[in-house]
N, C-alpha and C. Protein backbone atom coordinates (compact mmCIF):
# COMPACT_ATOMS: atom_id res chain seq x y z
N MET A 1 25.45 -4.21 26.86
CA MET A 1 25.82 -4.75 25.56
C MET A 1 25.53 -3.71 24.48
N ASN A 2 26.40 -3.59 23.54
CA ASN A 2 26.26 -2.62 22.46
C ASN A 2 25.13 -3.08 21.52
N ASN A 3 24.11 -2.25 21.36
CA ASN A 3 22.94 -2.61 20.57
C ASN A 3 23.29 -2.77 19.09
N LYS A 4 24.18 -1.92 18.55
CA LYS A 4 24.57 -2.03 17.14
C LYS A 4 25.27 -3.36 16.88
N ARG A 5 26.06 -3.78 17.82
CA ARG A 5 26.79 -5.03 17.65
C ARG A 5 25.85 -6.23 17.58
N SER A 6 24.83 -6.25 18.44
CA SER A 6 23.91 -7.37 18.45
C SER A 6 23.07 -7.40 17.17
N LYS A 7 22.71 -6.24 16.61
CA LYS A 7 21.97 -6.21 15.35
C LYS A 7 22.83 -6.76 14.21
N LYS A 8 24.10 -6.40 14.22
CA LYS A 8 24.98 -6.90 13.18
C LYS A 8 25.12 -8.41 13.28
N PHE A 9 25.24 -8.91 14.48
CA PHE A 9 25.35 -10.35 14.68
C PHE A 9 24.08 -11.05 14.22
N ASN A 10 22.91 -10.47 14.51
CA ASN A 10 21.64 -11.07 14.13
C ASN A 10 21.44 -11.07 12.61
N SER A 11 22.11 -10.20 11.89
CA SER A 11 21.92 -10.14 10.45
C SER A 11 22.49 -11.37 9.74
N PHE A 12 23.34 -12.16 10.41
CA PHE A 12 23.88 -13.38 9.81
C PHE A 12 23.01 -14.59 10.10
N GLU A 13 21.88 -14.38 10.74
CA GLU A 13 20.90 -15.42 11.02
C GLU A 13 21.49 -16.61 11.77
N GLY A 14 22.34 -16.34 12.73
CA GLY A 14 22.86 -17.38 13.60
C GLY A 14 24.09 -18.11 13.08
N ILE A 15 24.58 -17.81 11.89
CA ILE A 15 25.75 -18.50 11.36
C ILE A 15 27.00 -17.83 11.92
N VAL A 16 27.81 -18.63 12.59
CA VAL A 16 29.04 -18.13 13.18
C VAL A 16 30.24 -18.56 12.35
N PHE A 17 30.22 -19.81 11.89
CA PHE A 17 31.36 -20.35 11.16
C PHE A 17 30.87 -21.44 10.21
N SER A 18 31.46 -21.50 9.03
CA SER A 18 31.09 -22.54 8.08
C SER A 18 32.36 -23.21 7.56
N THR A 19 32.34 -24.54 7.44
CA THR A 19 33.49 -25.26 6.92
C THR A 19 33.45 -25.34 5.39
N ASN A 20 32.38 -24.92 4.79
CA ASN A 20 32.24 -24.94 3.34
C ASN A 20 32.98 -23.73 2.76
N PRO A 21 34.04 -23.95 1.94
CA PRO A 21 34.79 -22.81 1.41
C PRO A 21 34.00 -21.99 0.39
N ASP A 22 32.93 -22.56 -0.19
CA ASP A 22 32.14 -21.84 -1.18
C ASP A 22 30.93 -21.11 -0.59
N TYR A 23 30.75 -21.21 0.73
CA TYR A 23 29.58 -20.60 1.37
C TYR A 23 29.71 -19.08 1.39
N GLU A 24 28.64 -18.40 0.97
CA GLU A 24 28.60 -16.95 1.02
C GLU A 24 27.42 -16.53 1.87
N ILE A 25 27.67 -15.60 2.76
CA ILE A 25 26.60 -15.11 3.62
C ILE A 25 25.75 -14.15 2.81
N GLU A 26 24.43 -14.42 2.79
CA GLU A 26 23.51 -13.54 2.07
C GLU A 26 23.20 -12.33 2.92
N THR A 27 23.25 -11.17 2.32
CA THR A 27 22.92 -9.94 3.03
C THR A 27 21.47 -9.60 2.73
N PRO A 28 20.81 -8.87 3.62
CA PRO A 28 19.42 -8.50 3.38
C PRO A 28 19.24 -7.63 2.15
N PHE A 29 20.30 -6.97 1.69
CA PHE A 29 20.20 -6.10 0.54
C PHE A 29 20.02 -6.90 -0.76
N ASP A 30 20.44 -8.17 -0.75
CA ASP A 30 20.30 -9.00 -1.94
C ASP A 30 18.84 -9.32 -2.24
N ASN A 31 17.99 -9.35 -1.21
CA ASN A 31 16.61 -9.75 -1.37
C ASN A 31 15.66 -8.57 -1.54
N GLU A 32 16.16 -7.36 -1.61
CA GLU A 32 15.31 -6.19 -1.73
C GLU A 32 14.69 -6.15 -3.13
N PRO A 33 13.36 -6.00 -3.22
CA PRO A 33 12.71 -6.00 -4.53
C PRO A 33 13.06 -4.74 -5.32
N GLN A 34 13.18 -4.90 -6.61
CA GLN A 34 13.43 -3.77 -7.49
C GLN A 34 12.11 -3.06 -7.77
N THR A 35 12.17 -1.75 -7.94
CA THR A 35 10.96 -0.99 -8.21
C THR A 35 10.54 -1.18 -9.66
N VAL A 36 9.29 -1.53 -9.83
CA VAL A 36 8.71 -1.73 -11.15
C VAL A 36 8.43 -0.36 -11.74
N GLU A 37 8.63 -0.20 -13.05
CA GLU A 37 8.40 1.11 -13.67
C GLU A 37 6.93 1.52 -13.53
N ALA A 38 6.70 2.81 -13.65
CA ALA A 38 5.38 3.39 -13.36
C ALA A 38 4.26 2.78 -14.19
N GLY A 39 4.50 2.52 -15.46
CA GLY A 39 3.45 1.99 -16.34
C GLY A 39 3.00 0.59 -15.98
N LEU A 40 3.84 -0.16 -15.26
CA LEU A 40 3.50 -1.52 -14.88
C LEU A 40 2.96 -1.62 -13.45
N GLN A 41 2.96 -0.52 -12.73
CA GLN A 41 2.41 -0.50 -11.38
C GLN A 41 0.89 -0.54 -11.46
N ASP A 42 0.25 -1.22 -10.54
CA ASP A 42 -1.21 -1.29 -10.48
C ASP A 42 -1.64 -0.76 -9.12
N LEU A 43 -1.81 0.56 -9.02
CA LEU A 43 -2.11 1.20 -7.75
C LEU A 43 -3.61 1.33 -7.54
N ARG A 44 -4.01 1.29 -6.28
CA ARG A 44 -5.41 1.43 -5.88
C ARG A 44 -5.53 2.62 -4.93
N VAL A 45 -6.53 3.45 -5.18
CA VAL A 45 -6.77 4.62 -4.33
C VAL A 45 -8.15 4.45 -3.70
N GLN A 46 -8.20 4.54 -2.37
CA GLN A 46 -9.47 4.36 -1.68
C GLN A 46 -9.57 5.29 -0.48
N LEU A 47 -10.79 5.48 -0.01
CA LEU A 47 -11.06 6.31 1.14
C LEU A 47 -11.34 5.41 2.34
N ASP A 48 -10.82 5.79 3.50
CA ASP A 48 -11.01 4.97 4.69
C ASP A 48 -11.20 5.87 5.90
N LYS A 49 -12.11 5.47 6.80
CA LYS A 49 -12.28 6.20 8.06
C LYS A 49 -12.49 5.27 9.23
N LYS A 50 -12.22 3.99 9.03
CA LYS A 50 -12.38 3.02 10.11
C LYS A 50 -11.23 3.15 11.10
N GLN A 51 -11.55 3.07 12.37
CA GLN A 51 -10.59 3.12 13.47
C GLN A 51 -9.72 4.37 13.43
N ARG A 52 -10.28 5.47 12.97
CA ARG A 52 -9.52 6.72 12.90
C ARG A 52 -10.28 7.87 13.57
N GLY A 53 -11.20 7.54 14.44
CA GLY A 53 -11.95 8.56 15.14
C GLY A 53 -12.83 9.38 14.23
N GLY A 54 -13.32 8.81 13.14
CA GLY A 54 -14.19 9.51 12.20
C GLY A 54 -13.44 10.36 11.20
N LYS A 55 -12.13 10.41 11.28
CA LYS A 55 -11.35 11.21 10.33
C LYS A 55 -11.11 10.41 9.06
N VAL A 56 -11.10 11.10 7.94
CA VAL A 56 -11.00 10.47 6.63
C VAL A 56 -9.54 10.43 6.18
N VAL A 57 -9.15 9.30 5.59
CA VAL A 57 -7.80 9.11 5.08
C VAL A 57 -7.88 8.52 3.68
N THR A 58 -7.08 9.04 2.76
CA THR A 58 -6.97 8.48 1.42
C THR A 58 -5.79 7.51 1.43
N ILE A 59 -6.04 6.27 0.98
CA ILE A 59 -5.01 5.23 1.01
C ILE A 59 -4.61 4.87 -0.42
N VAL A 60 -3.31 4.86 -0.69
CA VAL A 60 -2.77 4.40 -1.97
C VAL A 60 -2.05 3.08 -1.68
N SER A 61 -2.49 2.00 -2.33
CA SER A 61 -1.90 0.69 -2.08
C SER A 61 -1.54 0.02 -3.40
N GLY A 62 -0.78 -1.07 -3.31
CA GLY A 62 -0.41 -1.85 -4.49
C GLY A 62 0.94 -1.50 -5.08
N PHE A 63 1.73 -0.67 -4.41
CA PHE A 63 3.04 -0.29 -4.93
C PHE A 63 3.99 -1.47 -4.83
N LYS A 64 4.71 -1.75 -5.91
CA LYS A 64 5.70 -2.83 -5.92
C LYS A 64 7.08 -2.22 -6.11
N GLY A 65 7.94 -2.43 -5.12
CA GLY A 65 9.29 -1.92 -5.27
C GLY A 65 9.95 -1.63 -3.94
N LYS A 66 11.02 -0.84 -4.01
CA LYS A 66 11.82 -0.51 -2.84
C LYS A 66 11.06 0.39 -1.90
N ASP A 67 11.35 0.24 -0.63
CA ASP A 67 10.70 1.05 0.40
C ASP A 67 11.07 2.52 0.25
N ASP A 68 12.29 2.80 -0.17
CA ASP A 68 12.72 4.19 -0.36
C ASP A 68 11.92 4.87 -1.46
N ASP A 69 11.63 4.14 -2.54
CA ASP A 69 10.85 4.72 -3.63
C ASP A 69 9.40 4.97 -3.20
N LEU A 70 8.87 4.08 -2.37
CA LEU A 70 7.52 4.29 -1.83
C LEU A 70 7.50 5.52 -0.92
N GLN A 71 8.55 5.68 -0.11
CA GLN A 71 8.65 6.85 0.76
C GLN A 71 8.69 8.14 -0.07
N MET A 72 9.45 8.12 -1.17
CA MET A 72 9.55 9.31 -2.03
C MET A 72 8.21 9.64 -2.68
N LEU A 73 7.49 8.62 -3.15
CA LEU A 73 6.18 8.85 -3.75
C LEU A 73 5.21 9.40 -2.71
N GLY A 74 5.25 8.85 -1.50
CA GLY A 74 4.40 9.36 -0.43
C GLY A 74 4.70 10.81 -0.10
N LYS A 75 5.96 11.15 -0.05
CA LYS A 75 6.36 12.53 0.24
C LYS A 75 5.86 13.47 -0.84
N LYS A 76 5.98 13.04 -2.09
CA LYS A 76 5.53 13.86 -3.21
C LYS A 76 4.02 14.10 -3.15
N LEU A 77 3.25 13.04 -2.88
CA LEU A 77 1.79 13.18 -2.81
C LEU A 77 1.38 14.08 -1.64
N LYS A 78 2.04 13.94 -0.50
CA LYS A 78 1.72 14.79 0.65
C LYS A 78 2.01 16.26 0.34
N GLN A 79 3.12 16.53 -0.35
CA GLN A 79 3.47 17.91 -0.69
C GLN A 79 2.48 18.51 -1.68
N LYS A 80 2.10 17.72 -2.69
CA LYS A 80 1.17 18.22 -3.71
C LYS A 80 -0.22 18.49 -3.12
N CYS A 81 -0.63 17.66 -2.15
CA CYS A 81 -1.94 17.85 -1.52
C CYS A 81 -1.88 18.89 -0.39
N GLY A 82 -0.70 19.17 0.10
CA GLY A 82 -0.54 20.16 1.16
C GLY A 82 -1.04 19.68 2.52
N VAL A 83 -0.96 18.38 2.75
CA VAL A 83 -1.44 17.82 4.02
C VAL A 83 -0.42 16.83 4.56
N GLY A 84 -0.69 16.30 5.74
CA GLY A 84 0.18 15.31 6.34
C GLY A 84 -0.23 13.91 5.93
N GLY A 85 0.53 12.97 6.40
CA GLY A 85 0.24 11.58 6.11
C GLY A 85 1.43 10.73 6.52
N SER A 86 1.39 9.47 6.12
CA SER A 86 2.49 8.58 6.45
C SER A 86 2.57 7.45 5.44
N VAL A 87 3.67 6.72 5.51
CA VAL A 87 3.87 5.54 4.68
C VAL A 87 4.19 4.40 5.62
N LYS A 88 3.31 3.38 5.63
CA LYS A 88 3.57 2.22 6.48
C LYS A 88 2.86 1.00 5.91
N ASP A 89 3.45 -0.15 6.14
CA ASP A 89 2.91 -1.43 5.69
C ASP A 89 2.67 -1.46 4.18
N GLY A 90 3.50 -0.79 3.41
CA GLY A 90 3.38 -0.80 1.96
C GLY A 90 2.26 0.07 1.42
N GLU A 91 1.70 0.94 2.25
CA GLU A 91 0.63 1.83 1.83
C GLU A 91 0.99 3.27 2.14
N ILE A 92 0.44 4.17 1.32
CA ILE A 92 0.60 5.60 1.55
C ILE A 92 -0.72 6.11 2.12
N LEU A 93 -0.66 6.75 3.28
CA LEU A 93 -1.85 7.31 3.93
C LEU A 93 -1.78 8.83 3.84
N ILE A 94 -2.79 9.44 3.22
CA ILE A 94 -2.87 10.89 3.08
C ILE A 94 -4.07 11.37 3.87
N GLN A 95 -3.87 12.34 4.76
CA GLN A 95 -4.96 12.83 5.59
C GLN A 95 -5.96 13.63 4.76
N GLY A 96 -7.22 13.22 4.79
CA GLY A 96 -8.28 13.93 4.07
C GLY A 96 -8.71 13.17 2.83
N ASP A 97 -9.75 13.69 2.17
CA ASP A 97 -10.29 13.08 0.96
C ASP A 97 -9.66 13.74 -0.26
N PHE A 98 -8.62 13.14 -0.79
CA PHE A 98 -7.91 13.66 -1.96
C PHE A 98 -7.87 12.62 -3.08
N ARG A 99 -8.91 11.78 -3.17
CA ARG A 99 -8.91 10.70 -4.15
C ARG A 99 -8.75 11.20 -5.57
N GLU A 100 -9.57 12.17 -5.96
CA GLU A 100 -9.54 12.66 -7.35
C GLU A 100 -8.21 13.32 -7.68
N LYS A 101 -7.69 14.12 -6.78
CA LYS A 101 -6.42 14.81 -7.00
C LYS A 101 -5.27 13.81 -7.12
N ILE A 102 -5.26 12.80 -6.25
CA ILE A 102 -4.20 11.79 -6.28
C ILE A 102 -4.31 10.93 -7.53
N LEU A 103 -5.54 10.57 -7.93
CA LEU A 103 -5.74 9.81 -9.17
C LEU A 103 -5.16 10.56 -10.35
N LEU A 104 -5.46 11.84 -10.44
CA LEU A 104 -4.96 12.67 -11.55
C LEU A 104 -3.44 12.78 -11.53
N MET A 105 -2.86 13.00 -10.34
CA MET A 105 -1.40 13.13 -10.23
C MET A 105 -0.70 11.83 -10.64
N LEU A 106 -1.21 10.70 -10.16
CA LEU A 106 -0.57 9.42 -10.48
C LEU A 106 -0.71 9.07 -11.96
N LYS A 107 -1.87 9.37 -12.55
CA LYS A 107 -2.05 9.12 -13.99
C LYS A 107 -1.10 9.99 -14.80
N ASN A 108 -0.91 11.24 -14.40
CA ASN A 108 0.01 12.13 -15.10
C ASN A 108 1.46 11.64 -15.00
N ASP A 109 1.79 10.93 -13.92
CA ASP A 109 3.13 10.38 -13.74
C ASP A 109 3.30 9.04 -14.45
N GLY A 110 2.22 8.52 -15.08
CA GLY A 110 2.32 7.30 -15.86
C GLY A 110 1.90 6.04 -15.15
N TYR A 111 1.37 6.14 -13.93
CA TYR A 111 0.94 4.96 -13.18
C TYR A 111 -0.43 4.49 -13.66
N LYS A 112 -0.67 3.17 -13.56
CA LYS A 112 -2.01 2.63 -13.77
C LYS A 112 -2.71 2.72 -12.43
N VAL A 113 -3.82 3.45 -12.38
CA VAL A 113 -4.48 3.73 -11.11
C VAL A 113 -5.96 3.39 -11.22
N LYS A 114 -6.50 2.79 -10.16
CA LYS A 114 -7.92 2.52 -10.08
C LYS A 114 -8.47 3.07 -8.78
N LYS A 115 -9.70 3.58 -8.86
CA LYS A 115 -10.39 4.06 -7.68
C LYS A 115 -11.18 2.90 -7.09
N VAL A 116 -10.99 2.64 -5.80
CA VAL A 116 -11.64 1.52 -5.13
C VAL A 116 -12.68 2.08 -4.18
N GLY A 117 -13.85 1.50 -4.15
CA GLY A 117 -14.91 1.96 -3.25
C GLY A 117 -15.74 3.04 -3.90
N GLY A 118 -16.62 3.66 -3.11
CA GLY A 118 -17.59 4.64 -3.61
C GLY A 118 -17.03 5.93 -3.90
């Protein structure tokens, strides 16, 4: 079975036919949240080393908006810090302790940022 075909079929959530002439199928793109401007974002920056083999990770959380915009912000922070990281579950993970540098960068970009933890 063609995998692309089954995904397309699943996107209609089981609706095959409707007798209602006014019925419109909702696409997943209609429900995508809009990105809030930088000044209204309330981001949190914290350090974490749990379940990471003792390695330290800086986490940026609280971003409200499109996943693509979060990916772009994560890419920018990784490039500015010169390290690796990832974006998953609505959080940006930066390898290493870069809390102060990330706080400064986000404040300069107009974000409301708070440091969480010690």
